[in-house]
Amino acid sequence: MKDLLLNLQFLFFGGKGGVGKTTCAMSCAIWAAEHGRNTLIISTDPAHSLGDSLGINLKLGELTPIEEIQKLTALEIDPQKKITELKDIADMNPIKEMGMGGMMGEMVQGMFEGMIGDNEQENPLNPPGIDETLAFGKVLEYIETNHEFDLIIFDTAPTGHTLRLLGLPETLSSWIGRILKLRLRLGKFFGKFKSLFGGENTQSDNSLEVLERMNDSILRAREDLTDSKKNSFVIVMIPEEMAIAETGRLLNELIRYKIPNSFIIVNQCYEDESELCAFCKSRREMQKKNLQKITKIFKDKLGKEIIIAPLYKDEIRKIESLKEFGKHLIH
């Protein structure tokens, strides 16, 4: 883990809900910042918890330097901030943009709606899931633009959201491709149609250029996300059957999208058996069996590094607790 934090540009933390992703991501971010890397941690989870983990208030959508840790900045993305921009792209209406009004505009609008279909699933103008799209937009912003940070850590949503996030470069690129084709078809059609009625283009249309730039950015980001010298995905799980199954599905998707992964953190593990009550001893026995299964499947078979992190009796919140917890992850 130390090598990842000192050498990579991007790290994603993900896994089943409630396994401690934010705690692990934040502890690693603090360690990296304290070891000289200008670090940004971003929450892509619609239900943010970075501020709760740090014990401070973070303003949605704004970079917040963490006063106690030099070189550490936190950001919880605002799910509403870019919806208007996305909606503008998704709702592009060639009739309005080409200055058609009145009866002719209504007639052509009807033809346009017939071409794209009434069924939401058939409509090529409908973008993918809004939460994941906005989250990936923030990923794009920091992968494909110049910024001051040496390391960016992404604290992702639970597995279902994360799987859709991982597939978005491919999905969005395909969606944008369909939009571009439709725009080109409609542009030629409306050019001929308007010439028959003497219509004039009263408004410039740069949406094709915007979409092409976006598509190029998505393709470049996909290259960076699959580069093991730049990026890695850290899976966080707990030693339970359901978490093992979900981790297996997540690993399959990482392999499918060629996202590098070498570490799995197994969190919330019971430690000293001699101090445990009967209930906790029973839980510990269950965990031991599952840890054996985790080692066999993910370490012996797939070659992943397994990090064991203990279950704390108290919540791990605020800087000092996060630093202490980080000692179990980074050594």
C-alpha atoms as a PDB file:
ATOM      1  CA  MET A   1       0.000   0.000   0.000  1.00  0.00           C
ATOM      2  CA  LYS A   2       2.871   2.355   0.786  1.00  0.00           C
ATOM      3  CA  ASP A   3       4.173   2.129  -2.792  1.00  0.00           C
ATOM      4  CA  LEU A   4       0.736   2.966  -4.204  1.00  0.00           C
ATOM      5  CA  LEU A   5       0.390   6.044  -2.013  1.00  0.00           C
ATOM      6  CA  LEU A   6       3.874   7.313  -2.848  1.00  0.00           C
ATOM      7  CA  ASN A   7       3.941   6.625  -6.587  1.00  0.00           C
ATOM      8  CA  LEU A   8       0.479   6.625  -8.168  1.00  0.00           C
ATOM      9  CA  GLN A   9      -1.626   9.581  -9.309  1.00  0.00           C
ATOM     10  CA  PHE A  10      -5.054   8.077  -8.587  1.00  0.00           C
ATOM     11  CA  LEU A  11      -6.472   5.594  -6.078  1.00  0.00           C
ATOM     12  CA  PHE A  12     -10.050   4.352  -5.909  1.00  0.00           C
ATOM     13  CA  PHE A  13     -11.487   2.795  -2.737  1.00  0.00           C
ATOM     14  CA  GLY A  14     -14.624   0.707  -3.171  1.00  0.00           C
ATOM     15  CA  GLY A  15     -16.629  -2.218  -1.867  1.00  0.00           C
ATOM     16  CA  LYS A  16     -19.860  -3.230  -0.194  1.00  0.00           C
ATOM     17  CA  GLY A  17     -21.775  -0.614   1.794  1.00  0.00           C
ATOM     18  CA  GLY A  18     -20.823  -0.322   5.466  1.00  0.00           C
ATOM     19  CA  VAL A  19     -17.396  -1.981   5.261  1.00  0.00           C
ATOM     20  CA  GLY A  20     -15.397   1.156   6.103  1.00  0.00           C
ATOM     21  CA  LYS A  21     -14.364   2.471   2.669  1.00  0.00           C
ATOM     22  CA  THR A  22     -14.355   6.097   3.775  1.00  0.00           C
ATOM     23  CA  THR A  23     -12.324   5.327   6.904  1.00  0.00           C
ATOM     24  CA  CYS A  24      -9.716   3.437   4.869  1.00  0.00           C
ATOM     25  CA  ALA A  25      -9.585   6.062   2.115  1.00  0.00           C
ATOM     26  CA  MET A  26      -9.300   8.940   4.579  1.00  0.00           C
ATOM     27  CA  SER A  27      -6.602   7.219   6.661  1.00  0.00           C
ATOM     28  CA  CYS A  28      -4.555   6.633   3.510  1.00  0.00           C
ATOM     29  CA  ALA A  29      -5.082  10.217   2.338  1.00  0.00           C
ATOM     30  CA  ILE A  30      -3.807  11.558   5.667  1.00  0.00           C
ATOM     31  CA  TRP A  31      -0.733   9.310   5.507  1.00  0.00           C
ATOM     32  CA  ALA A  32       0.075  10.365   1.929  1.00  0.00           C
ATOM     33  CA  ALA A  33      -0.299  14.066   2.756  1.00  0.00           C
ATOM     34  CA  GLU A  34       1.923  13.736   5.810  1.00  0.00           C
ATOM     35  CA  HIS A  35       4.551  12.064   3.639  1.00  0.00           C
ATOM     36  CA  GLY A  36       4.817  15.004   1.282  1.00  0.00           C
ATOM     37  CA  ARG A  37       2.207  14.323  -1.409  1.00  0.00           C
ATOM     38  CA  ASN A  38      -0.274  17.090  -2.162  1.00  0.00           C
ATOM     39  CA  THR A  39      -3.395  14.962  -1.765  1.00  0.00           C
ATOM     40  CA  LEU A  40      -7.047  15.447  -2.693  1.00  0.00           C
ATOM     41  CA  ILE A  41      -9.713  13.050  -1.464  1.00  0.00           C
ATOM     42  CA  ILE A  42     -13.022  13.129  -3.349  1.00  0.00           C
ATOM     43  CA  SER A  43     -16.281  11.466  -2.354  1.00  0.00           C
ATOM     44  CA  THR A  44     -18.228  10.201  -5.367  1.00  0.00           C
ATOM     45  CA  ASP A  45     -20.893   8.685  -3.099  1.00  0.00           C
ATOM     46  CA  PRO A  46     -24.219  10.597  -3.218  1.00  0.00           C
ATOM     47  CA  ALA A  47     -24.463   9.911   0.545  1.00  0.00           C
ATOM     48  CA  HIS A  48     -21.223  11.667   1.513  1.00  0.00           C
ATOM     49  CA  SER A  49     -19.358  10.882   4.735  1.00  0.00           C
ATOM     50  CA  LEU A  50     -15.938  12.518   4.341  1.00  0.00           C
ATOM     51  CA  GLY A  51     -16.923  15.412   6.587  1.00  0.00           C
ATOM     52  CA  ASP A  52     -18.381  13.024   9.156  1.00  0.00           C
ATOM     53  CA  SER A  53     -15.181  10.985   9.129  1.00  0.00           C
ATOM     54  CA  LEU A  54     -13.041  14.070   9.681  1.00  0.00           C
ATOM     55  CA  GLY A  55     -15.462  15.585  12.190  1.00  0.00           C
ATOM     56  CA  ILE A  56     -15.785  18.818  10.217  1.00  0.00           C
ATOM     57  CA  ASN A  57     -18.339  20.450   7.914  1.00  0.00           C
ATOM     58  CA  LEU A  58     -17.516  20.296   4.215  1.00  0.00           C
ATOM     59  CA  LYS A  59     -19.391  22.577   1.832  1.00  0.00           C
ATOM     60  CA  LEU A  60     -20.766  20.573  -1.085  1.00  0.00           C
ATOM     61  CA  GLY A  61     -18.897  21.095  -4.308  1.00  0.00           C
ATOM     62  CA  GLU A  62     -16.059  23.127  -2.783  1.00  0.00           C
ATOM     63  CA  LEU A  63     -12.438  22.172  -2.217  1.00  0.00           C
ATOM     64  CA  THR A  64     -11.748  22.325   1.526  1.00  0.00           C
ATOM     65  CA  PRO A  65      -8.133  22.356   2.788  1.00  0.00           C
ATOM     66  CA  ILE A  66      -7.869  20.356   6.024  1.00  0.00           C
ATOM     67  CA  GLU A  67      -6.233  22.699   8.513  1.00  0.00           C
ATOM     68  CA  GLU A  68      -4.735  19.999  10.728  1.00  0.00           C
ATOM     69  CA  ILE A  69      -3.048  18.196   7.831  1.00  0.00           C
ATOM     70  CA  GLN A  70      -0.849  20.193   5.514  1.00  0.00           C
ATOM     71  CA  LYS A  71      -1.221  19.182   1.854  1.00  0.00           C
ATOM     72  CA  LEU A  72      -4.610  17.497   2.368  1.00  0.00           C
ATOM     73  CA  THR A  73      -7.790  18.749   0.662  1.00  0.00           C
ATOM     74  CA  ALA A  74     -11.273  17.184   0.723  1.00  0.00           C
ATOM     75  CA  LEU A  75     -14.194  17.483  -1.686  1.00  0.00           C
ATOM     76  CA  GLU A  76     -17.733  16.133  -1.553  1.00  0.00           C
ATOM     77  CA  ILE A  77     -19.209  16.524  -5.030  1.00  0.00           C
ATOM     78  CA  ASP A  78     -22.474  18.414  -5.344  1.00  0.00           C
ATOM     79  CA  PRO A  79     -24.984  16.151  -7.141  1.00  0.00           C
ATOM     80  CA  GLN A  80     -26.921  19.193  -8.399  1.00  0.00           C
ATOM     81  CA  LYS A  81     -24.056  21.378  -9.577  1.00  0.00           C
ATOM     82  CA  LYS A  82     -23.639  19.977 -13.088  1.00  0.00           C
ATOM     83  CA  ILE A  83     -27.110  18.630 -13.689  1.00  0.00           C
ATOM     84  CA  THR A  84     -28.002  21.727 -15.740  1.00  0.00           C
ATOM     85  CA  GLU A  85     -24.959  21.256 -17.986  1.00  0.00           C
ATOM     86  CA  LEU A  86     -25.710  17.584 -18.458  1.00  0.00           C
ATOM     87  CA  LYS A  87     -29.380  18.302 -19.093  1.00  0.00           C
ATOM     88  CA  ASP A  88     -28.456  20.900 -21.703  1.00  0.00           C
ATOM     89  CA  ILE A  89     -26.483  18.270 -23.584  1.00  0.00           C
ATOM     90  CA  ALA A  90     -29.114  15.577 -23.127  1.00  0.00           C
ATOM     91  CA  ASP A  91     -31.994  17.892 -24.121  1.00  0.00           C
ATOM     92  CA  MET A  92     -30.410  19.356 -27.239  1.00  0.00           C
ATOM     93  CA  ASN A  93     -33.306  20.305 -29.477  1.00  0.00           C
ATOM     94  CA  PRO A  94     -32.362  20.885 -33.114  1.00  0.00           C
ATOM     95  CA  ILE A  95     -35.652  22.647 -33.843  1.00  0.00           C
ATOM     96  CA  LYS A  96     -35.068  25.383 -31.264  1.00  0.00           C
ATOM     97  CA  GLU A  97     -31.381  25.688 -32.101  1.00  0.00           C
ATOM     98  CA  MET A  98     -32.147  26.128 -35.797  1.00  0.00           C
ATOM     99  CA  GLY A  99     -34.596  28.952 -35.233  1.00  0.00           C
ATOM    100  CA  MET A 100     -37.751  27.151 -36.328  1.00  0.00           C
ATOM    101  CA  GLY A 101     -40.984  28.345 -34.796  1.00  0.00           C
ATOM    102  CA  GLY A 102     -44.698  28.453 -35.428  1.00  0.00           C
ATOM    103  CA  MET A 103     -46.542  25.767 -37.353  1.00  0.00           C
ATOM    104  CA  MET A 104     -43.433  24.628 -39.222  1.00  0.00           C
ATOM    105  CA  GLY A 105     -41.550  24.199 -35.965  1.00  0.00           C
ATOM    106  CA  GLU A 106     -44.395  22.193 -34.440  1.00  0.00           C
ATOM    107  CA  MET A 107     -44.623  19.967 -37.486  1.00  0.00           C
ATOM    108  CA  VAL A 108     -40.888  19.268 -37.545  1.00  0.00           C
ATOM    109  CA  GLN A 109     -40.875  18.771 -33.759  1.00  0.00           C
ATOM    110  CA  GLY A 110     -43.395  15.978 -34.216  1.00  0.00           C
ATOM    111  CA  MET A 111     -41.201  14.360 -36.851  1.00  0.00           C
ATOM    112  CA  PHE A 112     -38.172  14.718 -34.559  1.00  0.00           C
ATOM    113  CA  GLU A 113     -39.959  13.044 -31.633  1.00  0.00           C
ATOM    114  CA  GLY A 114     -41.026  10.235 -33.939  1.00  0.00           C
ATOM    115  CA  MET A 115     -37.404   9.666 -34.953  1.00  0.00           C
ATOM    116  CA  ILE A 116     -36.103   9.398 -31.376  1.00  0.00           C
ATOM    117  CA  GLY A 117     -39.053   7.363 -30.032  1.00  0.00           C
ATOM    118  CA  ASP A 118     -41.367   7.769 -27.054  1.00  0.00           C
ATOM    119  CA  ASN A 119     -39.950   4.872 -25.060  1.00  0.00           C
ATOM    120  CA  GLU A 120     -37.372   6.173 -22.589  1.00  0.00           C
ATOM    121  CA  GLN A 121     -35.119   3.147 -23.169  1.00  0.00           C
ATOM    122  CA  GLU A 122     -35.284   3.675 -26.921  1.00  0.00           C
ATOM    123  CA  ASN A 123     -34.522   7.388 -26.777  1.00  0.00           C
ATOM    124  CA  PRO A 124     -30.847   7.896 -27.649  1.00  0.00           C
ATOM    125  CA  LEU A 125     -30.901  11.331 -26.035  1.00  0.00           C
ATOM    126  CA  ASN A 126     -31.381   9.943 -22.530  1.00  0.00           C
ATOM    127  CA  PRO A 127     -28.023   9.869 -20.671  1.00  0.00           C
ATOM    128  CA  PRO A 128     -26.950   7.054 -18.313  1.00  0.00           C
ATOM    129  CA  GLY A 129     -27.685   7.150 -14.538  1.00  0.00           C
ATOM    130  CA  ILE A 130     -27.340  10.697 -13.271  1.00  0.00           C
ATOM    131  CA  ASP A 131     -25.474   9.934 -10.018  1.00  0.00           C
ATOM    132  CA  GLU A 132     -22.766   7.904 -11.716  1.00  0.00           C
ATOM    133  CA  THR A 133     -22.550  10.332 -14.634  1.00  0.00           C
ATOM    134  CA  LEU A 134     -21.973  13.292 -12.329  1.00  0.00           C
ATOM    135  CA  ALA A 135     -19.459  11.308 -10.303  1.00  0.00           C
ATOM    136  CA  PHE A 136     -17.574  10.331 -13.446  1.00  0.00           C
ATOM    137  CA  GLY A 137     -17.698  13.957 -14.576  1.00  0.00           C
ATOM    138  CA  LYS A 138     -15.718  14.858 -11.460  1.00  0.00           C
ATOM    139  CA  VAL A 139     -13.313  11.975 -12.120  1.00  0.00           C
ATOM    140  CA  LEU A 140     -12.815  13.324 -15.653  1.00  0.00           C
ATOM    141  CA  GLU A 141     -12.259  16.837 -14.385  1.00  0.00           C
ATOM    142  CA  TYR A 142      -9.314  15.789 -12.243  1.00  0.00           C
ATOM    143  CA  ILE A 143      -7.850  13.198 -14.592  1.00  0.00           C
ATOM    144  CA  GLU A 144      -7.985  15.243 -17.780  1.00  0.00           C
ATOM    145  CA  THR A 145      -7.253  18.792 -16.579  1.00  0.00           C
ATOM    146  CA  ASN A 146      -4.223  20.417 -15.024  1.00  0.00           C
ATOM    147  CA  HIS A 147      -4.319  20.595 -11.232  1.00  0.00           C
ATOM    148  CA  GLU A 148      -1.963  21.023  -8.303  1.00  0.00           C
ATOM    149  CA  PHE A 149      -2.437  17.585  -6.708  1.00  0.00           C
ATOM    150  CA  ASP A 150       0.112  14.749  -6.699  1.00  0.00           C
ATOM    151  CA  LEU A 151      -2.402  12.120  -5.597  1.00  0.00           C
ATOM    152  CA  ILE A 152      -6.193  11.986  -5.899  1.00  0.00           C
ATOM    153  CA  ILE A 153      -8.090   9.424  -3.828  1.00  0.00           C
ATOM    154  CA  PHE A 154     -11.671   8.631  -4.801  1.00  0.00           C
ATOM    155  CA  ASP A 155     -13.988   7.378  -2.053  1.00  0.00           C
ATOM    156  CA  THR A 156     -16.628   5.625  -4.144  1.00  0.00           C
ATOM    157  CA  ALA A 157     -20.247   4.652  -3.498  1.00  0.00           C
ATOM    158  CA  PRO A 158     -21.286   1.068  -2.586  1.00  0.00           C
ATOM    159  CA  THR A 159     -20.517  -1.630  -5.139  1.00  0.00           C
ATOM    160  CA  GLY A 160     -23.615  -1.278  -7.343  1.00  0.00           C
ATOM    161  CA  HIS A 161     -22.951   2.420  -8.009  1.00  0.00           C
ATOM    162  CA  THR A 162     -19.228   1.783  -8.409  1.00  0.00           C
ATOM    163  CA  LEU A 163     -19.759  -0.929 -11.016  1.00  0.00           C
ATOM    164  CA  ARG A 164     -21.857   1.488 -13.063  1.00  0.00           C
ATOM    165  CA  LEU A 165     -19.194   4.169 -12.549  1.00  0.00           C
ATOM    166  CA  LEU A 166     -16.498   1.829 -13.880  1.00  0.00           C
ATOM    167  CA  GLY A 167     -18.590   1.093 -16.964  1.00  0.00           C
ATOM    168  CA  LEU A 168     -19.350   4.735 -17.691  1.00  0.00           C
ATOM    169  CA  PRO A 169     -16.375   5.498 -19.970  1.00  0.00           C
ATOM    170  CA  GLU A 170     -17.646   2.825 -22.359  1.00  0.00           C
ATOM    171  CA  THR A 171     -21.329   3.673 -21.829  1.00  0.00           C
ATOM    172  CA  LEU A 172     -20.907   7.445 -22.148  1.00  0.00           C
ATOM    173  CA  SER A 173     -18.678   7.147 -25.180  1.00  0.00           C
ATOM    174  CA  SER A 174     -21.313   4.969 -26.840  1.00  0.00           C
ATOM    175  CA  TRP A 175     -24.083   7.392 -25.819  1.00  0.00           C
ATOM    176  CA  ILE A 176     -22.171  10.390 -27.161  1.00  0.00           C
ATOM    177  CA  GLY A 177     -21.496   8.476 -30.372  1.00  0.00           C
ATOM    178  CA  ARG A 178     -25.239   7.941 -30.865  1.00  0.00           C
ATOM    179  CA  ILE A 179     -25.928  11.619 -30.161  1.00  0.00           C
ATOM    180  CA  LEU A 180     -23.263  12.693 -32.674  1.00  0.00           C
ATOM    181  CA  LYS A 181     -24.688  10.427 -35.374  1.00  0.00           C
ATOM    182  CA  LEU A 182     -28.231  11.648 -34.701  1.00  0.00           C
ATOM    183  CA  ARG A 183     -27.114  15.279 -34.749  1.00  0.00           C
ATOM    184  CA  LEU A 184     -25.357  14.821 -38.064  1.00  0.00           C
ATOM    185  CA  ARG A 185     -28.397  13.088 -39.579  1.00  0.00           C
ATOM    186  CA  LEU A 186     -30.777  15.749 -38.305  1.00  0.00           C
ATOM    187  CA  GLY A 187     -28.438  18.549 -39.342  1.00  0.00           C
ATOM    188  CA  LYS A 188     -28.451  17.371 -42.965  1.00  0.00           C
ATOM    189  CA  PHE A 189     -32.192  16.769 -42.846  1.00  0.00           C
ATOM    190  CA  PHE A 190     -33.018  20.188 -41.391  1.00  0.00           C
ATOM    191  CA  GLY A 191     -30.636  21.927 -43.795  1.00  0.00           C
ATOM    192  CA  LYS A 192     -32.606  20.548 -46.751  1.00  0.00           C
ATOM    193  CA  PHE A 193     -35.965  21.010 -45.041  1.00  0.00           C
ATOM    194  CA  LYS A 194     -35.319  24.661 -44.170  1.00  0.00           C
ATOM    195  CA  SER A 195     -34.124  25.488 -47.667  1.00  0.00           C
ATOM    196  CA  LEU A 196     -37.538  24.463 -48.963  1.00  0.00           C
ATOM    197  CA  PHE A 197     -39.271  26.942 -46.635  1.00  0.00           C
ATOM    198  CA  GLY A 198     -36.644  29.644 -46.751  1.00  0.00           C
ATOM    199  CA  GLY A 199     -35.699  29.210 -43.103  1.00  0.00           C
ATOM    200  CA  GLU A 200     -32.523  30.777 -41.776  1.00  0.00           C
ATOM    201  CA  ASN A 201     -30.212  29.574 -39.036  1.00  0.00           C
ATOM    202  CA  THR A 202     -30.531  32.250 -36.372  1.00  0.00           C
ATOM    203  CA  GLN A 203     -28.400  30.518 -33.754  1.00  0.00           C
ATOM    204  CA  SER A 204     -24.964  28.973 -33.918  1.00  0.00           C
ATOM    205  CA  ASP A 205     -24.630  25.342 -32.836  1.00  0.00           C
ATOM    206  CA  ASN A 206     -21.431  24.273 -31.082  1.00  0.00           C
ATOM    207  CA  SER A 207     -22.932  21.210 -29.398  1.00  0.00           C
ATOM    208  CA  LEU A 208     -21.195  18.815 -31.787  1.00  0.00           C
ATOM    209  CA  GLU A 209     -17.835  20.295 -30.838  1.00  0.00           C
ATOM    210  CA  VAL A 210     -18.704  20.026 -27.117  1.00  0.00           C
ATOM    211  CA  LEU A 211     -19.685  16.381 -27.505  1.00  0.00           C
ATOM    212  CA  GLU A 212     -16.569  15.531 -29.495  1.00  0.00           C
ATOM    213  CA  ARG A 213     -14.334  17.120 -26.840  1.00  0.00           C
ATOM    214  CA  MET A 214     -16.182  15.232 -24.122  1.00  0.00           C
ATOM    215  CA  ASN A 215     -15.782  11.958 -25.987  1.00  0.00           C
ATOM    216  CA  ASP A 216     -12.048  12.556 -26.421  1.00  0.00           C
ATOM    217  CA  SER A 217     -11.711  13.264 -22.683  1.00  0.00           C
ATOM    218  CA  ILE A 218     -13.551  10.055 -21.809  1.00  0.00           C
ATOM    219  CA  LEU A 219     -11.277   7.992 -24.046  1.00  0.00           C
ATOM    220  CA  ARG A 220      -8.140   9.576 -22.518  1.00  0.00           C
ATOM    221  CA  ALA A 221      -9.470   9.027 -18.998  1.00  0.00           C
ATOM    222  CA  ARG A 222     -10.110   5.363 -19.789  1.00  0.00           C
ATOM    223  CA  GLU A 223      -6.448   5.014 -20.781  1.00  0.00           C
ATOM    224  CA  ASP A 224      -5.288   6.586 -17.496  1.00  0.00           C
ATOM    225  CA  LEU A 225      -7.647   4.462 -15.387  1.00  0.00           C
ATOM    226  CA  THR A 226      -6.259   1.268 -16.933  1.00  0.00           C
ATOM    227  CA  ASP A 227      -2.602   2.313 -16.494  1.00  0.00           C
ATOM    228  CA  SER A 228      -1.111   0.498 -13.484  1.00  0.00           C
ATOM    229  CA  LYS A 229       1.618   3.152 -13.260  1.00  0.00           C
ATOM    230  CA  LYS A 230      -1.023   5.831 -12.651  1.00  0.00           C
ATOM    231  CA  ASN A 231      -4.037   4.191 -11.027  1.00  0.00           C
ATOM    232  CA  SER A 232      -5.151   1.342  -8.784  1.00  0.00           C
ATOM    233  CA  PHE A 233      -8.417   0.232  -7.206  1.00  0.00           C
ATOM    234  CA  VAL A 234      -8.333  -0.818  -3.538  1.00  0.00           C
ATOM    235  CA  ILE A 235     -11.171  -3.108  -2.469  1.00  0.00           C
ATOM    236  CA  VAL A 236     -12.438  -2.867   1.104  1.00  0.00           C
ATOM    237  CA  MET A 237     -14.441  -5.779   2.515  1.00  0.00           C
ATOM    238  CA  ILE A 238     -15.342  -7.536   5.762  1.00  0.00           C
ATOM    239  CA  PRO A 239     -14.880 -11.269   6.486  1.00  0.00           C
ATOM    240  CA  GLU A 240     -18.453 -12.337   5.774  1.00  0.00           C
ATOM    241  CA  GLU A 241     -19.956 -14.563   3.066  1.00  0.00           C
ATOM    242  CA  MET A 242     -21.967 -11.817   1.387  1.00  0.00           C
ATOM    243  CA  ALA A 243     -18.935  -9.546   1.253  1.00  0.00           C
ATOM    244  CA  ILE A 244     -16.854 -12.339  -0.300  1.00  0.00           C
ATOM    245  CA  ALA A 245     -19.452 -12.836  -3.038  1.00  0.00           C
ATOM    246  CA  GLU A 246     -19.730  -9.101  -3.709  1.00  0.00           C
ATOM    247  CA  THR A 247     -15.947  -8.709  -3.772  1.00  0.00           C
ATOM    248  CA  GLY A 248     -15.786 -11.496  -6.351  1.00  0.00           C
ATOM    249  CA  ARG A 249     -18.259  -9.641  -8.571  1.00  0.00           C
ATOM    250  CA  LEU A 250     -16.330  -6.392  -8.164  1.00  0.00           C
ATOM    251  CA  LEU A 251     -13.045  -8.090  -9.062  1.00  0.00           C
ATOM    252  CA  ASN A 252     -14.642  -9.566 -12.183  1.00  0.00           C
ATOM    253  CA  GLU A 253     -15.706  -6.079 -13.262  1.00  0.00           C
ATOM    254  CA  LEU A 254     -12.249  -4.644 -12.558  1.00  0.00           C
ATOM    255  CA  ILE A 255     -10.787  -7.369 -14.764  1.00  0.00           C
ATOM    256  CA  ARG A 256     -13.426  -6.716 -17.426  1.00  0.00           C
ATOM    257  CA  TYR A 257     -12.617  -2.999 -17.567  1.00  0.00           C
ATOM    258  CA  LYS A 258      -8.864  -3.622 -17.114  1.00  0.00           C
ATOM    259  CA  ILE A 259      -8.706  -1.518 -13.934  1.00  0.00           C
ATOM    260  CA  PRO A 260      -5.541  -2.360 -11.932  1.00  0.00           C
ATOM    261  CA  ASN A 261      -6.047  -3.889  -8.489  1.00  0.00           C
ATOM    262  CA  SER A 262      -3.484  -5.445  -6.175  1.00  0.00           C
ATOM    263  CA  PHE A 263      -4.723  -4.824  -2.605  1.00  0.00           C
ATOM    264  CA  ILE A 264      -7.766  -5.978  -0.664  1.00  0.00           C
ATOM    265  CA  ILE A 265      -8.399  -4.609   2.830  1.00  0.00           C
ATOM    266  CA  VAL A 266     -10.323  -6.985   5.092  1.00  0.00           C
ATOM    267  CA  ASN A 267     -11.769  -4.666   7.727  1.00  0.00           C
ATOM    268  CA  GLN A 268     -13.542  -5.081  11.090  1.00  0.00           C
ATOM    269  CA  CYS A 269     -11.732  -8.258  12.133  1.00  0.00           C
ATOM    270  CA  TYR A 270     -11.882  -9.503  15.746  1.00  0.00           C
ATOM    271  CA  GLU A 271      -8.428  -9.837  17.284  1.00  0.00           C
ATOM    272  CA  ASP A 272      -7.468 -11.288  20.700  1.00  0.00           C
ATOM    273  CA  GLU A 273      -9.776 -14.231  21.376  1.00  0.00           C
ATOM    274  CA  SER A 274      -8.901 -14.410  25.097  1.00  0.00           C
ATOM    275  CA  GLU A 275     -10.666 -11.092  25.754  1.00  0.00           C
ATOM    276  CA  LEU A 276     -13.819 -11.842  23.808  1.00  0.00           C
ATOM    277  CA  CYS A 277     -17.265 -12.650  25.177  1.00  0.00           C
ATOM    278  CA  ALA A 278     -19.078 -15.784  24.011  1.00  0.00           C
ATOM    279  CA  PHE A 279     -20.929 -13.903  21.262  1.00  0.00           C
ATOM    280  CA  CYS A 280     -17.751 -12.246  20.008  1.00  0.00           C
ATOM    281  CA  LYS A 281     -15.835 -15.536  20.107  1.00  0.00           C
ATOM    282  CA  SER A 282     -18.520 -17.056  17.917  1.00  0.00           C
ATOM    283  CA  ARG A 283     -18.209 -14.137  15.501  1.00  0.00           C
ATOM    284  CA  ARG A 284     -14.448 -14.523  15.543  1.00  0.00           C
ATOM    285  CA  GLU A 285     -14.725 -18.214  14.625  1.00  0.00           C
ATOM    286  CA  MET A 286     -16.991 -17.310  11.738  1.00  0.00           C
ATOM    287  CA  GLN A 287     -14.494 -14.661  10.605  1.00  0.00           C
ATOM    288  CA  LYS A 288     -11.558 -17.092  10.815  1.00  0.00           C
ATOM    289  CA  LYS A 289     -13.295 -19.495   8.431  1.00  0.00           C
ATOM    290  CA  ASN A 290     -14.093 -16.674   6.038  1.00  0.00           C
ATOM    291  CA  LEU A 291     -10.550 -15.303   6.257  1.00  0.00           C
ATOM    292  CA  GLN A 292      -9.275 -18.703   5.184  1.00  0.00           C
ATOM    293  CA  LYS A 293     -11.651 -18.589   2.222  1.00  0.00           C
ATOM    294  CA  ILE A 294     -10.580 -15.010   1.390  1.00  0.00           C
ATOM    295  CA  THR A 295      -6.914 -16.030   1.485  1.00  0.00           C
ATOM    296  CA  LYS A 296      -7.510 -19.070  -0.700  1.00  0.00           C
ATOM    297  CA  ILE A 297      -9.598 -17.251  -3.323  1.00  0.00           C
ATOM    298  CA  PHE A 298      -8.117 -13.783  -3.491  1.00  0.00           C
ATOM    299  CA  LYS A 299      -4.500 -14.233  -2.360  1.00  0.00           C
ATOM    300  CA  ASP A 300      -3.465 -17.770  -3.330  1.00  0.00           C
ATOM    301  CA  LYS A 301      -5.532 -18.007  -6.502  1.00  0.00           C
ATOM    302  CA  LEU A 302      -5.595 -14.398  -7.743  1.00  0.00           C
ATOM    303  CA  GLY A 303      -2.380 -13.070  -6.199  1.00  0.00           C
ATOM    304  CA  LYS A 304      -3.896 -10.141  -4.309  1.00  0.00           C
ATOM    305  CA  GLU A 305      -2.227  -8.606  -1.257  1.00  0.00           C
ATOM    306  CA  ILE A 306      -4.494  -8.973   1.785  1.00  0.00           C
ATOM    307  CA  ILE A 307      -4.417  -6.351   4.546  1.00  0.00           C
ATOM    308  CA  ILE A 308      -6.140  -7.243   7.817  1.00  0.00           C
ATOM    309  CA  ALA A 309      -7.612  -4.298   9.762  1.00  0.00           C
ATOM    310  CA  PRO A 310      -9.092  -4.775  13.257  1.00  0.00           C
ATOM    311  CA  LEU A 311     -12.549  -4.015  14.554  1.00  0.00           C
ATOM    312  CA  TYR A 312     -12.421  -1.018  16.910  1.00  0.00           C
ATOM    313  CA  LYS A 313     -14.734  -0.768  19.901  1.00  0.00           C
ATOM    314  CA  ASP A 314     -15.270   2.944  19.171  1.00  0.00           C
ATOM    315  CA  GLU A 315     -16.016   4.828  15.961  1.00  0.00           C
ATOM    316  CA  ILE A 316     -12.950   5.811  13.967  1.00  0.00           C
ATOM    317  CA  ARG A 317     -13.486   9.533  13.541  1.00  0.00           C
ATOM    318  CA  LYS A 318     -11.329  12.648  13.479  1.00  0.00           C
ATOM    319  CA  ILE A 319      -7.670  13.010  12.599  1.00  0.00           C
ATOM    320  CA  GLU A 320      -5.956  11.190  15.463  1.00  0.00           C
ATOM    321  CA  SER A 321      -8.173   8.098  15.277  1.00  0.00           C
ATOM    322  CA  LEU A 322      -7.766   7.975  11.502  1.00  0.00           C
ATOM    323  CA  LYS A 323      -3.978   8.209  11.856  1.00  0.00           C
ATOM    324  CA  GLU A 324      -3.981   5.376  14.376  1.00  0.00           C
ATOM    325  CA  PHE A 325      -6.150   3.225  12.114  1.00  0.00           C
ATOM    326  CA  GLY A 326      -3.865   3.980   9.180  1.00  0.00           C
ATOM    327  CA  LYS A 327      -1.019   2.121  10.913  1.00  0.00           C
ATOM    328  CA  HIS A 328      -2.858  -1.134  10.210  1.00  0.00           C
ATOM    329  CA  LEU A 329      -3.110  -0.336   6.488  1.00  0.00           C
ATOM    330  CA  ILE A 330       0.316   1.112   5.722  1.00  0.00           C
ATOM    331  CA  HIS A 331       3.471  -0.637   6.860  1.00  0.00           C
END
